[in-house]
C-alpha cells in the first residue's frame, strides 16, 4: 500500500495547518558603513507579496545580525523577496542598500553587496 503522507501534507498545506510557504531567516550584515558622524545602527525591512517585517535596530554595530523572520504562506516560485537595509539616524534614516531576489523551491543562502558599502546575508526556505 502506497504511503498517504504526500497527500496528507498537500491537504494540510492547503488548509494552512502545516508549515508551508516561505520562511526567511538568518539575517546578518558585515561592514555596514554609516554616516561619517555616527556609528552603524542597522535595521532591515523585508517583504514578499503582502508579507512585511521590520527588524529591530541593532545599535553601534557594523556587523549586525537579526533574529526576526518573515513567513508568507502564499509565496510561490518566482515571487520577489526584497530587503532594504537602513542605518537609523536622529534626523533621517539612510538607506544603505536594496537586495531583491526571485525565490524558488528549496533552501538557499545568499549575499548581496550594498550600494553604500557592506554585505547583507540571508537564508530562506520555500516549500
N, C-alpha and C. Protein backbone atom coordinates (compact mmCIF):
# COMPACT_ATOMS: atom_id res chain seq x y z
N UNK A 1 0.84 -1.18 0.00
CA UNK A 1 0.00 0.00 0.00
C UNK A 1 0.89 1.24 0.00
N UNK A 2 0.59 2.15 -0.87
CA UNK A 2 1.38 3.38 -1.00
C UNK A 2 1.13 4.28 0.20
N UNK A 3 2.14 5.04 0.56
CA UNK A 3 2.03 5.97 1.68
C UNK A 3 1.09 7.11 1.31
N UNK A 4 0.26 7.50 2.27
CA UNK A 4 -0.64 8.64 2.03
C UNK A 4 -0.03 9.93 2.57
N UNK A 5 1.21 9.86 3.07
CA UNK A 5 1.85 11.05 3.64
C UNK A 5 1.91 12.22 2.67
N UNK A 6 2.35 12.03 1.40
CA UNK A 6 2.38 13.18 0.49
C UNK A 6 1.00 13.83 0.30
N UNK A 7 -0.03 13.00 0.20
CA UNK A 7 -1.38 13.53 0.05
C UNK A 7 -1.82 14.28 1.30
N UNK A 8 -1.50 13.72 2.46
CA UNK A 8 -1.85 14.37 3.72
C UNK A 8 -1.15 15.73 3.85
N UNK A 9 0.12 15.80 3.51
CA UNK A 9 0.85 17.07 3.56
C UNK A 9 0.24 18.10 2.62
N UNK A 10 -0.15 17.67 1.43
CA UNK A 10 -0.78 18.57 0.47
C UNK A 10 -2.08 19.14 1.04
N UNK A 11 -2.88 18.29 1.64
CA UNK A 11 -4.15 18.73 2.23
C UNK A 11 -3.88 19.70 3.38
N UNK A 12 -2.94 19.35 4.27
CA UNK A 12 -2.64 20.22 5.40
C UNK A 12 -2.10 21.56 4.95
N UNK A 13 -1.26 21.57 3.90
CA UNK A 13 -0.74 22.83 3.39
C UNK A 13 -1.87 23.70 2.85
N UNK A 14 -2.79 23.10 2.15
CA UNK A 14 -3.88 23.89 1.58
C UNK A 14 -4.79 24.44 2.67
N UNK A 15 -4.81 23.79 3.82
CA UNK A 15 -5.61 24.28 4.95
C UNK A 15 -4.80 25.18 5.88
N UNK A 16 -3.53 25.40 5.54
CA UNK A 16 -2.62 26.20 6.37
C UNK A 16 -2.45 25.62 7.77
N UNK A 17 -2.57 24.30 7.91
CA UNK A 17 -2.36 23.64 9.19
C UNK A 17 -0.88 23.30 9.34
N UNK A 18 -0.27 22.81 8.30
CA UNK A 18 1.16 22.50 8.32
C UNK A 18 1.94 23.72 7.84
N UNK A 19 3.21 23.79 8.26
CA UNK A 19 4.06 24.91 7.82
C UNK A 19 4.36 24.75 6.33
N UNK A 20 3.90 25.69 5.56
CA UNK A 20 4.14 25.69 4.11
C UNK A 20 4.47 27.11 3.69
N UNK A 21 5.03 27.24 2.54
CA UNK A 21 5.30 28.57 2.02
C UNK A 21 6.72 29.00 2.25
N UNK A 22 6.89 30.30 2.46
CA UNK A 22 8.21 30.92 2.56
C UNK A 22 8.58 31.21 4.01
N UNK A 23 9.82 30.91 4.34
CA UNK A 23 10.40 31.29 5.64
C UNK A 23 11.75 31.92 5.37
N UNK A 24 11.94 33.16 5.82
CA UNK A 24 13.20 33.89 5.65
C UNK A 24 13.84 34.03 7.03
N UNK A 25 15.11 33.72 7.12
CA UNK A 25 15.77 33.67 8.42
C UNK A 25 17.27 33.92 8.26
N UNK A 26 17.99 33.89 9.37
CA UNK A 26 19.44 34.09 9.42
C UNK A 26 19.87 35.34 8.66
N UNK A 27 19.39 36.49 9.13
CA UNK A 27 19.73 37.78 8.53
C UNK A 27 20.93 38.36 9.25
N UNK A 28 21.93 38.78 8.49
CA UNK A 28 23.06 39.48 9.09
C UNK A 28 23.79 40.28 8.02
N UNK A 29 24.63 41.20 8.48
CA UNK A 29 25.40 42.05 7.57
C UNK A 29 26.82 42.18 8.10
N UNK A 30 27.73 42.49 7.20
CA UNK A 30 29.13 42.70 7.57
C UNK A 30 29.62 43.97 6.90
N UNK A 31 30.31 44.80 7.68
CA UNK A 31 30.94 46.00 7.14
C UNK A 31 29.99 47.12 6.78
N UNK A 32 28.89 47.29 7.53
CA UNK A 32 27.98 48.40 7.24
C UNK A 32 28.72 49.72 7.42
N UNK A 33 28.48 50.63 6.50
CA UNK A 33 29.14 51.94 6.54
C UNK A 33 28.11 53.03 6.80
N UNK A 34 28.10 53.55 8.03
CA UNK A 34 27.13 54.60 8.37
C UNK A 34 27.63 55.96 7.93
N UNK A 35 26.82 56.99 8.28
CA UNK A 35 27.26 58.38 8.10
C UNK A 35 28.60 58.59 8.77
N UNK A 36 29.32 59.59 8.31
CA UNK A 36 30.61 59.91 8.92
C UNK A 36 30.48 60.31 10.38
N UNK A 37 29.37 60.89 10.73
CA UNK A 37 29.20 61.45 12.08
C UNK A 37 28.52 60.50 13.06
N UNK A 38 28.36 59.23 12.70
CA UNK A 38 27.64 58.33 13.60
C UNK A 38 28.17 56.90 13.47
N UNK A 39 27.67 56.04 14.34
CA UNK A 39 28.00 54.63 14.25
C UNK A 39 26.88 53.90 13.50
N UNK A 40 27.15 52.67 13.11
CA UNK A 40 26.16 51.90 12.36
C UNK A 40 25.05 51.43 13.30
N UNK A 41 23.82 51.82 12.99
CA UNK A 41 22.63 51.40 13.73
C UNK A 41 21.69 50.76 12.72
N UNK A 42 22.00 49.54 12.31
CA UNK A 42 21.31 48.93 11.18
C UNK A 42 20.00 48.25 11.51
N UNK A 43 19.10 48.31 10.54
CA UNK A 43 17.87 47.52 10.58
C UNK A 43 17.48 47.17 9.16
N UNK A 44 16.56 46.20 9.03
CA UNK A 44 16.16 45.69 7.72
C UNK A 44 14.65 45.71 7.61
N UNK A 45 14.16 46.12 6.45
CA UNK A 45 12.75 45.95 6.08
C UNK A 45 12.73 44.88 5.01
N UNK A 46 11.96 43.82 5.22
CA UNK A 46 11.88 42.75 4.22
C UNK A 46 10.43 42.50 3.87
N UNK A 47 10.22 42.15 2.59
CA UNK A 47 8.86 41.92 2.13
C UNK A 47 8.83 40.89 1.02
N UNK A 48 7.70 40.21 0.95
CA UNK A 48 7.39 39.30 -0.15
C UNK A 48 5.87 39.28 -0.24
N UNK A 49 5.34 39.63 -1.40
CA UNK A 49 3.89 39.72 -1.53
C UNK A 49 3.34 40.70 -0.51
N UNK A 50 2.32 40.28 0.22
CA UNK A 50 1.70 41.16 1.22
C UNK A 50 2.34 41.02 2.60
N UNK A 51 3.37 40.19 2.72
CA UNK A 51 4.04 39.99 4.00
C UNK A 51 5.19 40.99 4.15
N UNK A 52 5.26 41.62 5.34
CA UNK A 52 6.27 42.65 5.60
C UNK A 52 6.75 42.52 7.03
N UNK A 53 8.07 42.62 7.22
CA UNK A 53 8.67 42.59 8.56
C UNK A 53 9.75 43.66 8.62
N UNK A 54 9.76 44.39 9.74
CA UNK A 54 10.84 45.34 10.01
C UNK A 54 11.57 44.82 11.24
N UNK A 55 12.89 44.67 11.13
CA UNK A 55 13.67 44.16 12.26
C UNK A 55 13.88 45.26 13.29
N UNK A 56 14.37 44.86 14.43
CA UNK A 56 14.78 45.83 15.45
C UNK A 56 16.06 46.51 14.98
N UNK A 57 16.37 47.64 15.56
CA UNK A 57 17.61 48.35 15.25
C UNK A 57 18.74 47.71 16.06
N UNK A 58 19.81 47.38 15.39
CA UNK A 58 20.99 46.81 16.04
C UNK A 58 22.00 47.94 16.18
N UNK A 59 22.06 48.53 17.36
CA UNK A 59 22.81 49.78 17.57
C UNK A 59 24.32 49.57 17.70
N UNK A 60 25.05 50.56 17.18
CA UNK A 60 26.52 50.63 17.31
C UNK A 60 27.22 49.36 16.86
N UNK A 61 26.80 48.82 15.72
CA UNK A 61 27.37 47.55 15.27
C UNK A 61 27.48 47.53 13.74
N UNK A 62 28.69 47.56 13.19
CA UNK A 62 28.85 47.48 11.74
C UNK A 62 28.67 46.06 11.20
N UNK A 63 28.55 45.08 12.12
CA UNK A 63 28.39 43.67 11.73
C UNK A 63 27.18 43.06 12.45
N UNK A 64 25.99 43.60 12.19
CA UNK A 64 24.80 43.17 12.94
C UNK A 64 24.23 41.84 12.46
N UNK A 65 23.46 41.22 13.36
CA UNK A 65 22.62 40.08 12.98
C UNK A 65 21.25 40.32 13.60
N UNK A 66 20.23 39.76 12.97
CA UNK A 66 18.86 39.95 13.42
C UNK A 66 18.19 38.59 13.56
N UNK A 67 17.33 38.45 14.57
CA UNK A 67 16.65 37.18 14.82
C UNK A 67 15.25 37.13 14.21
N UNK A 68 14.73 38.25 13.76
CA UNK A 68 13.39 38.27 13.19
C UNK A 68 13.34 37.40 11.93
N UNK A 69 12.17 36.84 11.69
CA UNK A 69 11.94 36.02 10.49
C UNK A 69 10.70 36.53 9.77
N UNK A 70 10.64 36.24 8.48
CA UNK A 70 9.47 36.56 7.67
C UNK A 70 8.87 35.23 7.22
N UNK A 71 7.57 35.08 7.38
CA UNK A 71 6.86 33.90 6.89
C UNK A 71 5.73 34.37 5.99
N UNK A 72 5.54 33.65 4.89
CA UNK A 72 4.49 34.01 3.95
C UNK A 72 3.93 32.73 3.34
N UNK A 73 2.74 32.34 3.76
CA UNK A 73 2.17 31.05 3.35
C UNK A 73 1.74 31.03 1.88
N UNK A 74 1.55 32.18 1.27
CA UNK A 74 1.08 32.21 -0.12
C UNK A 74 2.20 32.37 -1.14
N UNK A 75 3.44 32.32 -0.70
CA UNK A 75 4.57 32.51 -1.62
C UNK A 75 4.67 31.34 -2.59
N UNK A 76 5.06 31.67 -3.82
CA UNK A 76 5.28 30.66 -4.86
C UNK A 76 6.58 30.97 -5.59
N UNK A 77 7.10 29.97 -6.27
CA UNK A 77 8.32 30.18 -7.06
C UNK A 77 8.13 31.36 -8.01
N UNK A 78 9.14 32.21 -8.08
CA UNK A 78 9.09 33.38 -8.95
C UNK A 78 8.71 34.66 -8.23
N UNK A 79 8.15 34.55 -7.01
CA UNK A 79 7.84 35.76 -6.23
C UNK A 79 9.13 36.50 -5.91
N UNK A 80 9.02 37.81 -5.71
CA UNK A 80 10.19 38.64 -5.38
C UNK A 80 10.29 38.80 -3.86
N UNK A 81 11.46 38.54 -3.37
CA UNK A 81 11.80 38.77 -1.97
C UNK A 81 12.69 40.00 -1.94
N UNK A 82 12.30 41.01 -1.17
CA UNK A 82 13.07 42.26 -1.17
C UNK A 82 13.50 42.64 0.24
N UNK A 83 14.74 43.09 0.33
CA UNK A 83 15.32 43.58 1.58
C UNK A 83 15.80 45.00 1.37
N UNK A 84 15.51 45.88 2.33
CA UNK A 84 16.02 47.24 2.34
C UNK A 84 16.77 47.42 3.65
N UNK A 85 18.06 47.69 3.55
CA UNK A 85 18.91 47.82 4.74
C UNK A 85 19.12 49.30 5.03
N UNK A 86 18.89 49.70 6.28
CA UNK A 86 18.98 51.10 6.68
C UNK A 86 19.93 51.28 7.85
N UNK A 87 20.42 52.51 7.97
CA UNK A 87 21.15 52.98 9.14
C UNK A 87 20.26 54.02 9.81
N UNK A 88 19.82 53.73 11.04
CA UNK A 88 18.92 54.65 11.75
C UNK A 88 19.71 55.85 12.27
N UNK A 89 19.20 57.03 11.98
CA UNK A 89 19.81 58.27 12.45
C UNK A 89 18.74 59.13 13.11
N UNK A 90 19.17 60.16 13.83
CA UNK A 90 18.24 61.04 14.52
C UNK A 90 17.39 61.83 13.53
N UNK A 91 18.02 62.45 12.54
CA UNK A 91 17.30 63.29 11.58
C UNK A 91 16.52 62.45 10.57
N UNK A 92 17.18 61.54 9.89
CA UNK A 92 16.51 60.66 8.93
C UNK A 92 17.34 59.40 8.78
N UNK A 93 16.71 58.35 8.32
CA UNK A 93 17.38 57.06 8.18
C UNK A 93 18.00 56.95 6.79
N UNK A 94 19.25 56.53 6.75
CA UNK A 94 19.97 56.38 5.48
C UNK A 94 19.76 54.97 4.94
N UNK A 95 19.33 54.89 3.68
CA UNK A 95 19.22 53.57 3.05
C UNK A 95 20.62 53.16 2.60
N UNK A 96 21.09 52.04 3.12
CA UNK A 96 22.42 51.54 2.78
C UNK A 96 22.41 50.68 1.53
N UNK A 97 21.26 50.10 1.22
CA UNK A 97 21.17 49.29 0.02
C UNK A 97 19.89 48.50 -0.05
N UNK A 98 19.60 48.00 -1.25
CA UNK A 98 18.42 47.19 -1.52
C UNK A 98 18.89 45.89 -2.14
N UNK A 99 18.27 44.82 -1.72
CA UNK A 99 18.60 43.49 -2.23
C UNK A 99 17.28 42.84 -2.64
N UNK A 100 17.19 42.38 -3.87
CA UNK A 100 15.97 41.77 -4.37
C UNK A 100 16.32 40.42 -4.99
N UNK A 101 15.45 39.44 -4.74
CA UNK A 101 15.76 38.09 -5.20
C UNK A 101 14.48 37.37 -5.59
N UNK A 102 14.50 36.66 -6.71
CA UNK A 102 13.39 35.83 -7.14
C UNK A 102 13.52 34.47 -6.46
N UNK A 103 12.49 34.07 -5.70
CA UNK A 103 12.59 32.85 -4.92
C UNK A 103 12.21 31.61 -5.74
N UNK A 104 12.71 30.46 -5.26
CA UNK A 104 12.38 29.17 -5.87
C UNK A 104 12.33 28.12 -4.77
N UNK A 105 11.71 27.00 -5.04
CA UNK A 105 11.55 25.95 -4.02
C UNK A 105 12.89 25.42 -3.57
N UNK A 106 12.97 25.15 -2.26
CA UNK A 106 14.19 24.63 -1.66
C UNK A 106 14.69 25.57 -0.59
N UNK A 107 15.87 25.26 -0.06
CA UNK A 107 16.53 26.09 0.95
C UNK A 107 17.81 26.67 0.38
N UNK A 108 18.00 27.97 0.57
CA UNK A 108 19.14 28.67 -0.03
C UNK A 108 19.67 29.74 0.91
N UNK A 109 20.94 30.08 0.73
CA UNK A 109 21.57 31.20 1.42
C UNK A 109 22.23 32.08 0.37
N UNK A 110 22.05 33.39 0.51
CA UNK A 110 22.58 34.34 -0.47
C UNK A 110 23.21 35.53 0.23
N UNK A 111 23.97 36.28 -0.52
CA UNK A 111 24.51 37.55 -0.04
C UNK A 111 24.38 38.56 -1.17
N UNK A 112 24.37 39.83 -0.79
CA UNK A 112 24.38 40.88 -1.81
C UNK A 112 25.16 42.07 -1.29
N UNK A 113 25.87 42.71 -2.19
CA UNK A 113 26.64 43.90 -1.85
C UNK A 113 25.69 45.09 -1.76
N UNK A 114 25.85 45.88 -0.72
CA UNK A 114 25.02 47.06 -0.52
C UNK A 114 25.65 48.27 -1.21
N UNK A 115 24.80 49.14 -1.75
CA UNK A 115 25.27 50.28 -2.52
C UNK A 115 26.23 51.18 -1.74
N UNK A 116 25.98 51.36 -0.44
CA UNK A 116 26.82 52.26 0.35
C UNK A 116 27.91 51.53 1.13
N UNK A 117 28.16 50.29 0.77
CA UNK A 117 29.22 49.51 1.43
C UNK A 117 28.66 48.47 2.38
N UNK A 118 29.36 47.39 2.47
CA UNK A 118 28.93 46.29 3.32
C UNK A 118 28.24 45.21 2.51
N UNK A 119 28.03 44.08 3.16
CA UNK A 119 27.39 42.93 2.52
C UNK A 119 26.25 42.47 3.42
N UNK A 120 25.10 42.14 2.81
CA UNK A 120 23.94 41.64 3.52
C UNK A 120 23.76 40.16 3.19
N UNK A 121 23.46 39.35 4.20
CA UNK A 121 23.30 37.90 4.03
C UNK A 121 21.92 37.48 4.52
N UNK A 122 21.34 36.47 3.86
CA UNK A 122 20.05 35.95 4.29
C UNK A 122 19.90 34.51 3.81
N UNK A 123 18.99 33.80 4.46
CA UNK A 123 18.64 32.44 4.06
C UNK A 123 17.13 32.35 3.95
N UNK A 124 16.66 31.45 3.09
CA UNK A 124 15.22 31.22 3.01
C UNK A 124 14.93 29.78 2.62
N UNK A 125 13.72 29.36 2.96
CA UNK A 125 13.21 28.06 2.54
C UNK A 125 11.84 28.30 1.94
N UNK A 126 11.60 27.76 0.76
CA UNK A 126 10.29 27.79 0.12
C UNK A 126 9.85 26.35 -0.08
N UNK A 127 8.74 26.00 0.57
CA UNK A 127 8.24 24.62 0.45
C UNK A 127 6.92 24.60 -0.29
